[in-house]
Protein backbone atom coordinates (compact mmCIF):
# COMPACT_ATOMS: atom_id res chain seq x y z
CA MET A 1 35.96 -10.76 83.27
CA ARG A 2 35.39 -13.79 81.08
CA THR A 3 31.89 -15.19 80.58
CA TRP A 4 31.44 -18.71 79.31
CA LEU A 5 28.95 -18.74 76.42
CA PRO A 6 27.41 -22.20 76.03
CA LEU A 7 28.15 -23.43 72.55
CA SER A 8 24.68 -24.95 72.34
CA MET A 9 23.30 -21.40 72.15
CA VAL A 10 24.98 -20.95 68.82
CA SER A 11 24.22 -24.41 67.51
CA LEU A 12 21.76 -23.11 64.95
CA ALA A 13 24.36 -20.71 63.60
CA LEU A 14 26.93 -23.48 63.25
CA ALA A 15 24.63 -26.17 62.01
CA GLY A 16 22.43 -23.98 59.82
CA PRO A 17 24.41 -24.01 56.57
CA THR A 18 24.66 -27.81 56.46
CA ALA A 19 21.74 -29.02 58.57
CA GLY A 20 19.17 -26.48 57.40
CA PRO A 21 17.15 -26.56 54.22
CA ALA A 22 19.08 -28.03 51.31
CA VAL A 23 18.22 -28.67 47.69
CA ALA A 24 17.99 -32.27 46.53
CA HIS A 25 16.79 -32.63 42.94
CA GLY A 26 15.22 -29.20 43.21
CA VAL A 27 13.24 -30.01 46.41
CA PRO A 28 14.23 -28.27 49.73
CA THR A 29 15.04 -30.86 52.42
CA PHE A 30 16.15 -30.79 56.08
CA ASP A 31 18.74 -33.29 57.32
CA LEU A 32 17.35 -33.92 60.81
CA ARG A 33 19.88 -36.66 61.61
CA LEU A 34 22.86 -34.43 60.80
CA PHE A 35 21.34 -31.58 62.80
CA ALA A 36 20.81 -33.87 65.82
CA GLU A 37 24.40 -35.13 65.63
CA ARG A 38 25.79 -31.58 65.57
CA GLN A 39 23.52 -30.60 68.44
CA ALA A 40 24.74 -33.57 70.49
CA ILE A 41 28.37 -32.63 69.79
CA LEU A 42 27.79 -29.05 70.89
CA GLU A 43 26.02 -30.14 74.07
CA GLN A 44 28.89 -32.48 74.91
CA THR A 45 31.31 -29.60 74.32
CA ASP A 46 29.30 -27.51 76.80
CA ARG A 47 29.63 -30.25 79.40
CA ASP A 48 33.37 -30.52 78.76
CA LEU A 49 33.80 -26.76 79.21
CA ALA A 50 31.85 -26.83 82.47
CA LEU A 51 34.04 -29.68 83.70
CA GLN A 52 37.22 -27.77 82.81
CA GLN A 53 35.90 -24.71 84.66
CA ASP A 54 35.23 -26.83 87.76
CA ARG A 55 38.74 -28.24 87.60
CA LEU A 56 40.22 -24.75 87.26
CA THR A 57 38.26 -23.58 90.31
CA ARG A 58 39.49 -26.54 92.36
CA GLU A 59 43.08 -25.88 91.29
CA GLU A 60 42.76 -22.24 92.39
CA GLU A 61 41.39 -23.36 95.77
CA LEU A 62 44.27 -25.82 96.20
CA ALA A 63 46.78 -23.11 95.32
CA GLU A 64 45.21 -20.83 97.91
CA ILE A 65 45.40 -23.57 100.55
CA GLU A 66 49.07 -24.09 99.71
CA ARG A 67 49.75 -20.36 100.12
CA GLN A 68 48.06 -20.41 103.51
CA GLN A 69 50.07 -23.44 104.59
CA LEU A 70 53.29 -21.68 103.60
CA ALA A 71 52.24 -18.57 105.53
CA SER A 72 51.46 -20.72 108.59
CA LEU A 73 54.83 -22.42 108.29
CA GLU A 74 56.59 -19.05 108.14
CA GLY A 75 54.70 -17.98 111.25
CA LEU A 76 55.68 -21.17 113.02
CA MET A 77 59.33 -20.75 112.08
CA GLY A 78 59.22 -17.16 113.30
CA ALA A 79 57.67 -18.24 116.60
CA MET A 80 60.35 -20.90 117.03
CA SER A 81 63.14 -18.42 116.44
CA LEU A 82 65.22 -17.80 119.54
CA GLY A 83 66.24 -14.31 118.51
CA SER A 84 69.55 -12.69 119.36
CA GLY A 85 69.13 -12.42 123.14
CA ASP A 86 70.01 -14.81 125.93
CA VAL A 87 69.64 -18.12 124.11
CA ALA A 88 70.37 -20.23 127.19
CA GLY A 89 67.78 -18.37 129.25
CA THR A 90 65.24 -18.58 126.45
CA VAL A 91 65.68 -22.34 126.09
CA ALA A 92 65.42 -22.83 129.85
CA GLY A 93 62.23 -20.78 129.94
CA LEU A 94 60.68 -22.70 127.08
CA GLU A 95 61.54 -26.01 128.66
CA ALA A 96 59.90 -24.79 131.86
CA GLY A 97 56.68 -24.21 129.92
CA GLN A 98 56.74 -20.43 129.84
CA GLY A 99 54.86 -18.94 126.88
CA ALA A 100 57.41 -16.19 126.30
CA VAL A 101 60.82 -15.37 127.60
CA ASP A 102 62.39 -11.93 127.05
CA ASP A 103 59.65 -11.16 124.49
CA VAL A 104 60.41 -14.36 122.54
CA GLU A 105 57.08 -16.13 122.11
CA SER A 106 56.93 -19.91 121.98
CA ALA A 107 55.52 -21.74 118.99
CA ALA A 108 52.77 -23.30 121.11
CA ALA A 109 51.63 -19.90 122.34
CA SER A 110 51.46 -18.68 118.74
CA LEU A 111 49.50 -21.64 117.42
CA TYR A 112 47.11 -22.61 120.20
CA ALA A 113 44.76 -20.72 122.48
CA PRO A 114 44.47 -21.78 126.16
CA ASP A 115 41.13 -23.45 125.32
CA ASP A 116 40.58 -25.36 122.10
CA ASN A 117 37.26 -24.07 120.72
CA ASN A 118 37.48 -25.69 117.31
CA PRO A 119 39.21 -22.88 115.38
CA ALA A 120 38.13 -22.55 111.75
CA ALA A 121 40.02 -20.68 109.06
CA ALA A 122 37.82 -18.03 107.43
CA ARG A 123 38.56 -16.78 103.91
CA VAL A 124 36.21 -14.06 102.72
CA ASN A 125 36.09 -11.61 99.86
CA ALA A 126 33.78 -8.96 98.50
CA LEU A 127 31.03 -9.47 95.97
CA GLU A 128 31.23 -8.49 92.32
CA ARG A 129 28.75 -5.69 93.03
CA HIS A 130 31.27 -4.19 95.50
CA GLU A 131 34.14 -3.98 93.01
CA GLU A 132 33.52 -0.52 91.52
CA ALA A 133 32.85 1.12 94.90
CA LEU A 134 35.91 -0.52 96.47
CA ILE A 135 38.17 0.63 93.66
CA ASP A 136 36.82 4.20 93.76
CA CYS A 137 36.60 4.65 97.56
CA GLY A 138 40.18 5.87 97.97
CA VAL A 139 41.06 3.17 100.52
CA ASP A 140 42.89 -0.08 99.82
CA PRO A 141 40.05 -2.57 99.12
CA ALA A 142 41.91 -5.29 101.04
CA HIS A 143 41.87 -3.03 104.11
CA VAL A 144 38.14 -2.43 103.76
CA ILE A 145 37.41 -6.15 103.55
CA ARG A 146 39.72 -6.90 106.48
CA ALA A 147 37.97 -4.27 108.59
CA ALA A 148 34.58 -5.64 107.58
CA LEU A 149 35.63 -9.14 108.61
CA ARG A 150 36.79 -7.91 112.02
CA ARG A 151 33.48 -6.13 112.58
CA ALA A 152 31.44 -9.09 111.37
CA VAL A 153 32.99 -11.63 113.74
CA LYS A 154 33.38 -9.34 116.75
CA THR A 155 30.05 -10.36 118.31
CA TRP A 156 29.24 -13.34 116.08
CA GLN A 157 28.44 -16.74 117.55
CA LEU A 158 28.08 -19.91 115.50
CA GLY A 159 24.50 -21.13 115.34
CA PRO A 160 23.66 -24.86 115.45
CA GLU A 161 21.80 -24.82 112.11
CA PHE A 162 23.62 -25.19 108.81
CA VAL A 163 23.18 -22.21 106.48
CA PRO A 164 23.98 -22.91 102.80
CA PRO A 165 26.52 -20.52 101.25
CA SER A 166 25.02 -17.65 99.29
CA GLU A 167 24.93 -17.98 95.51
CA GLU A 168 25.84 -14.32 95.02
CA GLN A 169 28.81 -13.85 92.71
CA ARG A 170 32.06 -13.19 94.55
CA THR A 171 34.74 -11.00 93.10
CA ARG A 172 37.57 -12.80 91.35
CA ILE A 173 40.19 -10.33 92.63
CA THR A 174 41.89 -12.74 95.02
CA GLU A 175 44.37 -10.11 96.25
CA TRP A 176 41.57 -8.56 98.29
CA ARG A 177 40.73 -11.73 100.20
CA ALA A 178 40.85 -11.50 104.00
CA ARG A 179 41.71 -14.42 106.28
CA THR A 180 41.40 -15.07 109.98
CA SER A 181 41.00 -17.90 112.47
CA LEU A 182 37.72 -18.21 114.33
CA ALA A 183 37.00 -19.82 117.68
CA VAL A 184 33.56 -21.41 117.31
CA ASP A 185 31.21 -23.06 119.76
CA ALA A 186 32.04 -26.77 119.87
CA ASN A 187 28.44 -27.86 120.53
CA ALA A 188 27.09 -25.83 117.62
CA LEU A 189 29.76 -27.19 115.30
CA THR A 190 29.04 -30.76 116.42
CA SER A 191 25.35 -30.23 115.68
CA ILE A 192 26.14 -29.02 112.17
CA LEU A 193 28.51 -31.91 111.58
CA HIS A 194 25.91 -34.40 112.79
CA THR A 195 23.19 -33.15 110.45
CA HIS A 196 25.12 -31.96 107.41
CA ASP A 197 28.52 -33.66 107.39
CA PRO A 198 28.29 -36.91 109.41
CA LEU A 199 31.37 -38.35 107.66
CA ASP A 200 33.44 -35.22 108.42
CA VAL A 201 34.66 -34.79 104.85
CA LEU A 202 34.02 -31.06 104.45
CA SER A 203 36.22 -28.27 105.71
CA LYS A 204 34.98 -26.36 108.76
CA TRP A 205 34.87 -23.20 106.66
CA ALA A 206 32.50 -24.86 104.20
CA LEU A 207 30.15 -25.56 107.10
CA ILE A 208 30.13 -22.09 108.63
CA ARG A 209 30.68 -19.70 105.71
CA GLY A 210 26.95 -19.38 105.09
CA GLN A 211 26.62 -17.71 108.50
CA ILE A 212 29.62 -15.38 108.18
CA GLU A 213 29.86 -14.17 104.59
CA PRO A 214 26.54 -12.23 104.55
CA ARG A 215 27.61 -10.42 107.73
CA VAL A 216 30.93 -9.44 106.10
CA TRP A 217 29.21 -8.21 102.93
CA ALA A 218 26.81 -6.12 104.99
CA GLU A 219 29.74 -4.57 106.88
CA ILE A 220 31.48 -3.77 103.57
CA ASP A 221 28.37 -1.81 102.56
CA VAL A 222 28.42 0.05 105.87
CA ILE A 223 32.12 0.91 105.61
CA LEU A 224 31.76 2.12 102.02
CA ASP A 225 28.87 4.35 103.11
CA GLU A 226 30.98 5.72 105.96
CA ILE A 227 33.87 6.49 103.59
CA ALA A 228 31.51 8.22 101.15
CA GLU A 229 29.97 10.32 103.94
CA ARG A 230 33.38 11.44 105.16
CA ALA A 231 34.43 12.31 101.63
CA ALA A 232 31.30 14.43 101.19
CA VAL A 233 32.08 16.61 104.21
CA PRO A 234 33.82 19.82 103.04
CA GLN A 235 37.37 20.05 104.27
CA GLU A 236 38.30 23.24 106.06
CA VAL A 237 41.00 25.19 104.25
CA PRO A 238 43.60 26.46 106.74
CA SER A 239 43.75 30.24 106.82
CA ALA A 240 46.90 31.93 105.65
CA PRO A 241 49.22 33.00 108.46
CA ARG A 242 49.02 36.63 109.38
CA THR A 243 52.03 38.76 108.59
């Protein structure tokens, strides 16, 4: 994992040979102006690196959104497929408003619930501190995180107060990320929008992730403990068949 080292931390090392004590007519001197210029250059380089890192993060988020859109499109195309059965009967059933005909589900039934409760797309992952345990647990880490997400949202209800996202470091292993759609309370979401996002410029996930992610991380800890406990139980060795 890469760690950005601010160049200003090594400014003395870079500037020392030229901006440190020098000999002018036998008298040691210190070029303060040159040292300040080099320090300013290094600080500007730090800011440029931070800006590039922000841009890279945004590009990764956009790429992830594009992947999700493609997956949704594939699901829509699959739901619109008429299959190989009675096409005429299927079309007639769909035109009559039936959700599914001969096990062929309509696109509307796939995309929308009977009641619109402001669905929000959740995208969660483990924390960096989970990485070693997830890799060593003997179960696909993506499956662990998916199970933790299901447990976390099973009885969860959106609260009306905005909770800022945790600053804990998430893992950068994007292949583990779990996704789902959440049906949230419309009144609670409206309250959060009114107080925290009155212009409605943020994604719904940005508004609710602070309430969900800690629950998922706690469930990951629980599942890892359960896996470790099962692994610690001695397995019975089947006895040899009698002859």
